[in-house]
Structure formats: C-alpha cells, structure tokens
Amino acid sequence: MTSSTQHRFYAESHPHAVEWLQLFIKDCARRIDMHDQTLTRLRASIAATEAEQQAVREAQNQAQVTLDSFATAETTVLGLQSLAAQWGQGPRLHTVPDQPSAPASGVPTADQQPEGTEADTALYETPSKPPVVITGERSLEILTIMSERSDDRWSAGEVTKKLGEPEDDAGVSRVRTRLDYLCRRGVLEKIESPKARKATQPGEAYVHYRISAAWTTS
C-alpha cells in the first residue's frame, strides 16, 4: 500500500481525528499571529523607552553644562566688580531733575519724559533669546535635515524617511519621541489640527513639526 493510499485510508477511517488536526493547525497559526503582534508592540515600547532614556540623558548633560556655566559666570562677574571698584568705575544711578506734576491722567506729557542716552536705552532693551544648545548626535541630525526647509512643516514619517530609519510603526515612534523631546527643549514647534486632537492616536496627516528657535552645538 502506497503512502497516499495509507493517508486516504486513515482519513476515511478516522474522520474526527483528521478534522481535529486541521482545527489544531489553524489554532496554532492564530496563536503564532497573536504572539507576533505582541512582540511587535513590545519592540515598539522598548524603542520608545530607549529614545526617552537618551532624551533624559541629554537633558541631564545639558543641565550640568548650564550649572557649570552659572558657576563660571558668577566668578567672572565677581572679578569684574572687584576691578571696577578699584578703578572707581561701575554702574551709576541716573538722577532725573524735579519735573512739574503730571497731568490728572497720571501720564507724563512728551516734554516731561526724561531724556536718556543710547546706553540708557540699550540697558532696558529686552535681550534676544539665546540659541538652544543641542548635544545629542541624533537630535543634531534631525535638526540638520529639517533646516533644509525650516519654514515648512515636517511629519514624523517624513523625518523618519530622511533619516533612513525603518518606516514601520516602531521606527516612526522612535523619531516621534525625539521630535517631542526637541519640542520640550523649545527648538521645535508641534502643530496639531483639530482632527488630531480628537483622535486616540494622531495620524501622520494631522501632526507636524517645524523649527521655532535658533540652535547651536555649543
């Protein structure tokens, strides 16, 4: 009796066993697919956690650099103040001669405004916002790419593609985590449409990023 004949004979003699085996194979396939989906979610979660950890490490390094710069600045200012005192120099108070009483409104007229020098004017000018210091290699790479068209909006998917990262959910999630970190640093602006705010998971079509501040590496 040939092998195919044996199989046919067994199938005809044990129909319930054959049906059970077929169902068992399908159930195994379903469980394998379920485990694949679980592993995909775990990989995405691990990638997002690693990206967040790197972002925290960069923030820690930046805080340490800022703290060190404060200490250096304080020492420099104290030294300059000491020299200024020796030379009889330093900031002086500008006195304003007595002026006629202000009108009933409390707002002085044009001829009652004290005159000041250009240096006085500059003293009260609001200083420009310093550039954001970026030290992370991946963050620098992202900002360099986005600087190609800094006036435009970028989606996380577009940045992922430019970086050459895998464009699956895990890859885009890693890049989106980095973009959100740069938003918290103040160098990027996150733009969401009303549709994105209503959605449970914002889609790429409704969430974009763009450069909103100057940045530097030192």
Protein backbone atom coordinates (compact mmCIF):
# COMPACT_ATOMS: atom_id res chain seq x y z
CA MET A 1 0.00 0.00 0.00
CA THR A 2 1.46 3.36 -1.05
CA SER A 3 1.80 6.34 1.28
CA SER A 4 -1.01 8.29 -0.40
CA THR A 5 -3.26 5.27 -0.19
CA GLN A 6 -2.45 4.90 3.52
CA HIS A 7 -3.30 8.55 4.14
CA ARG A 8 -6.58 8.29 2.30
CA PHE A 9 -7.44 5.10 4.18
CA TYR A 10 -6.66 6.77 7.54
CA ALA A 11 -8.70 9.86 6.65
CA GLU A 12 -11.68 7.73 5.68
CA SER A 13 -11.33 5.55 8.78
CA HIS A 14 -10.73 8.39 11.28
CA PRO A 15 -12.63 11.46 10.05
CA HIS A 16 -12.83 13.01 13.52
CA ALA A 17 -9.07 12.78 14.05
CA VAL A 18 -8.41 14.45 10.69
CA GLU A 19 -10.86 17.26 11.50
CA TRP A 20 -9.22 17.76 14.90
CA LEU A 21 -5.77 18.02 13.36
CA GLN A 22 -6.96 20.60 10.82
CA LEU A 23 -8.53 22.69 13.57
CA PHE A 24 -5.40 22.33 15.70
CA ILE A 25 -3.20 23.62 12.85
CA LYS A 26 -5.47 26.66 12.40
CA ASP A 27 -5.42 27.35 16.14
CA CYS A 28 -1.61 27.19 16.16
CA ALA A 29 -1.47 29.68 13.27
CA ARG A 30 -3.81 32.03 15.14
CA ARG A 31 -1.68 31.84 18.29
CA ILE A 32 1.53 32.44 16.33
CA ASP A 33 -0.02 35.54 14.76
CA MET A 34 -1.14 36.76 18.20
CA HIS A 35 2.38 36.34 19.58
CA ASP A 36 3.83 38.18 16.56
CA GLN A 37 1.56 41.14 17.28
CA THR A 38 2.56 41.11 20.96
CA LEU A 39 6.27 41.06 20.05
CA THR A 40 5.76 43.97 17.64
CA ARG A 41 4.14 46.06 20.38
CA LEU A 42 6.91 45.16 22.84
CA ARG A 43 9.62 46.12 20.36
CA ALA A 44 7.92 49.48 19.75
CA SER A 45 7.63 50.05 23.50
CA ILE A 46 11.29 49.19 24.07
CA ALA A 47 12.36 51.51 21.25
CA ALA A 48 10.29 54.38 22.66
CA THR A 49 11.71 53.76 26.16
CA GLU A 50 15.28 53.78 24.84
CA ALA A 51 14.65 57.03 22.95
CA GLU A 52 13.14 58.61 26.06
CA GLN A 53 16.10 57.42 28.14
CA GLN A 54 18.51 59.03 25.68
CA ALA A 55 16.49 62.25 25.76
CA VAL A 56 16.63 62.30 29.57
CA ARG A 57 20.38 61.68 29.47
CA GLU A 58 20.84 64.62 27.09
CA ALA A 59 18.71 66.82 29.34
CA GLN A 60 20.82 65.79 32.32
CA ASN A 61 24.04 66.64 30.47
CA GLN A 62 22.61 69.98 29.39
CA ALA A 63 21.58 70.78 32.97
CA GLN A 64 25.10 70.00 34.16
CA VAL A 65 26.62 72.24 31.46
CA THR A 66 24.23 75.05 32.44
CA LEU A 67 25.07 74.63 36.13
CA ASP A 68 28.78 74.75 35.38
CA SER A 69 28.33 77.87 33.22
CA PHE A 70 26.45 79.59 36.07
CA ALA A 71 29.38 78.97 38.41
CA THR A 72 31.83 80.29 35.82
CA ALA A 73 29.68 83.38 35.13
CA GLU A 74 29.39 84.19 38.83
CA THR A 75 33.17 84.02 39.28
CA THR A 76 33.68 86.28 36.24
CA VAL A 77 31.16 88.88 37.44
CA LEU A 78 32.68 89.00 40.93
CA GLY A 79 36.12 89.54 39.42
CA LEU A 80 34.87 92.38 37.19
CA GLN A 81 33.08 94.02 40.09
CA SER A 82 36.27 93.93 42.12
CA LEU A 83 38.25 95.57 39.30
CA ALA A 84 35.53 98.18 38.75
CA ALA A 85 35.62 99.09 42.44
CA GLN A 86 39.40 99.52 42.28
CA TRP A 87 39.13 101.78 39.23
CA GLY A 88 36.22 103.75 40.63
CA GLN A 89 34.04 102.51 37.80
CA GLY A 90 30.79 100.65 37.63
CA PRO A 91 27.07 101.24 37.13
CA ARG A 92 25.87 104.64 38.28
CA LEU A 93 22.34 105.76 39.13
CA HIS A 94 20.94 108.35 36.75
CA THR A 95 19.08 111.07 38.64
CA VAL A 96 16.21 112.90 36.97
CA PRO A 97 15.65 116.59 37.85
CA ASP A 98 12.39 117.51 39.51
CA GLN A 99 9.63 117.72 36.91
CA PRO A 100 6.32 119.54 37.00
CA SER A 101 3.49 117.46 38.35
CA ALA A 102 1.95 115.06 35.86
CA PRO A 103 -1.47 115.78 34.39
CA ALA A 104 -4.59 114.39 36.02
CA SER A 105 -4.41 111.27 33.85
CA GLY A 106 -1.13 110.32 35.52
CA VAL A 107 0.61 110.00 32.13
CA PRO A 108 3.52 112.46 31.64
CA THR A 109 3.48 114.63 28.55
CA ALA A 110 6.19 114.46 25.90
CA ASP A 111 8.16 117.40 27.40
CA GLN A 112 8.07 115.69 30.82
CA GLN A 113 9.76 112.49 29.65
CA PRO A 114 13.37 112.26 30.96
CA GLU A 115 15.97 112.22 28.26
CA GLY A 116 18.36 109.29 28.18
CA THR A 117 21.45 108.30 26.30
CA GLU A 118 21.66 105.43 23.83
CA ALA A 119 23.39 103.41 26.53
CA ASP A 120 20.45 104.00 28.86
CA THR A 121 18.04 102.84 26.16
CA ALA A 122 20.07 99.72 25.46
CA LEU A 123 20.09 98.92 29.18
CA TYR A 124 16.32 98.45 29.16
CA GLU A 125 16.05 96.59 25.87
CA THR A 126 14.85 93.00 26.12
CA PRO A 127 17.76 90.71 25.20
CA SER A 128 17.24 88.34 22.31
CA LYS A 129 16.57 84.73 23.19
CA PRO A 130 19.82 82.72 23.14
CA PRO A 131 20.03 79.72 20.83
CA VAL A 132 19.17 76.31 22.25
CA VAL A 133 22.27 74.17 22.83
CA ILE A 134 21.90 70.70 21.29
CA THR A 135 24.46 67.99 22.06
CA GLY A 136 22.78 64.73 21.05
CA GLU A 137 24.01 63.31 17.75
CA ARG A 138 20.56 62.11 16.68
CA SER A 139 18.92 65.42 17.62
CA LEU A 140 21.53 67.32 15.61
CA GLU A 141 20.92 65.06 12.63
CA ILE A 142 17.17 65.68 12.80
CA LEU A 143 17.58 69.46 13.05
CA THR A 144 20.06 69.49 10.18
CA ILE A 145 17.56 67.65 7.99
CA MET A 146 14.68 69.93 8.97
CA SER A 147 16.84 73.00 8.31
CA GLU A 148 16.76 72.12 4.61
CA ARG A 149 13.30 73.71 4.56
CA SER A 150 12.93 75.24 8.02
CA ASP A 151 9.85 77.26 7.07
CA ASP A 152 7.91 74.10 6.19
CA ARG A 153 6.13 71.56 8.35
CA TRP A 154 7.50 68.03 8.72
CA SER A 155 5.65 64.92 9.76
CA ALA A 156 7.37 62.23 11.83
CA GLY A 157 7.11 59.91 8.83
CA GLU A 158 8.94 62.38 6.57
CA VAL A 159 11.76 62.81 9.09
CA THR A 160 11.97 59.03 9.55
CA LYS A 161 12.35 58.55 5.80
CA LYS A 162 15.05 61.25 5.57
CA LEU A 163 16.97 59.62 8.42
CA GLY A 164 16.91 56.28 6.62
CA GLU A 165 15.18 54.64 9.59
CA PRO A 166 12.69 51.75 9.16
CA GLU A 167 9.34 53.32 8.26
CA ASP A 168 7.32 50.84 10.33
CA ASP A 169 5.39 51.79 13.49
CA ALA A 170 8.40 51.24 15.73
CA GLY A 171 10.72 53.37 13.59
CA VAL A 172 8.29 56.27 13.32
CA SER A 173 7.55 56.03 17.06
CA ARG A 174 11.26 56.40 17.88
CA VAL A 175 11.56 59.50 15.70
CA ARG A 176 8.31 61.00 17.05
CA THR A 177 9.63 60.60 20.61
CA ARG A 178 12.79 62.50 19.62
CA LEU A 179 10.73 65.25 17.92
CA ASP A 180 8.57 65.65 21.03
CA TYR A 181 11.74 65.95 23.13
CA LEU A 182 13.01 68.75 20.86
CA CYS A 183 9.63 70.48 21.28
CA ARG A 184 10.11 70.38 25.05
CA ARG A 185 13.58 71.88 24.56
CA GLY A 186 11.92 74.77 22.72
CA VAL A 187 13.68 74.35 19.38
CA LEU A 188 10.71 72.74 17.59
CA GLU A 189 7.02 73.59 17.48
CA LYS A 190 4.38 70.86 17.36
CA ILE A 191 1.37 71.64 15.17
CA GLU A 192 -1.82 69.62 15.58
CA SER A 193 -5.04 70.00 13.65
CA PRO A 194 -8.43 69.65 15.39
CA LYS A 195 -8.76 66.20 13.84
CA ALA A 196 -5.56 65.03 15.54
CA ARG A 197 -6.74 66.23 18.95
CA LYS A 198 -9.95 64.25 18.63
CA ALA A 199 -8.22 61.05 17.54
CA THR A 200 -6.96 58.48 20.06
CA GLN A 201 -3.73 58.08 18.11
CA PRO A 202 -2.95 61.19 15.99
CA GLY A 203 -2.34 60.34 12.36
CA GLU A 204 0.64 61.47 10.37
CA ALA A 205 -1.61 63.65 8.22
CA TYR A 206 -2.60 65.86 11.17
CA VAL A 207 0.55 66.21 13.35
CA HIS A 208 3.55 68.18 12.08
CA TYR A 209 6.70 69.80 13.43
CA ARG A 210 8.74 72.85 12.42
CA ILE A 211 11.80 74.68 13.70
CA SER A 212 10.78 77.54 16.00
CA ALA A 213 14.08 78.71 17.53
CA ALA A 214 17.79 79.05 16.77
CA TRP A 215 20.04 76.20 17.92
CA THR A 216 23.73 75.57 18.32
CA THR A 217 26.10 72.77 19.33
CA SER A 218 27.99 74.76 21.95
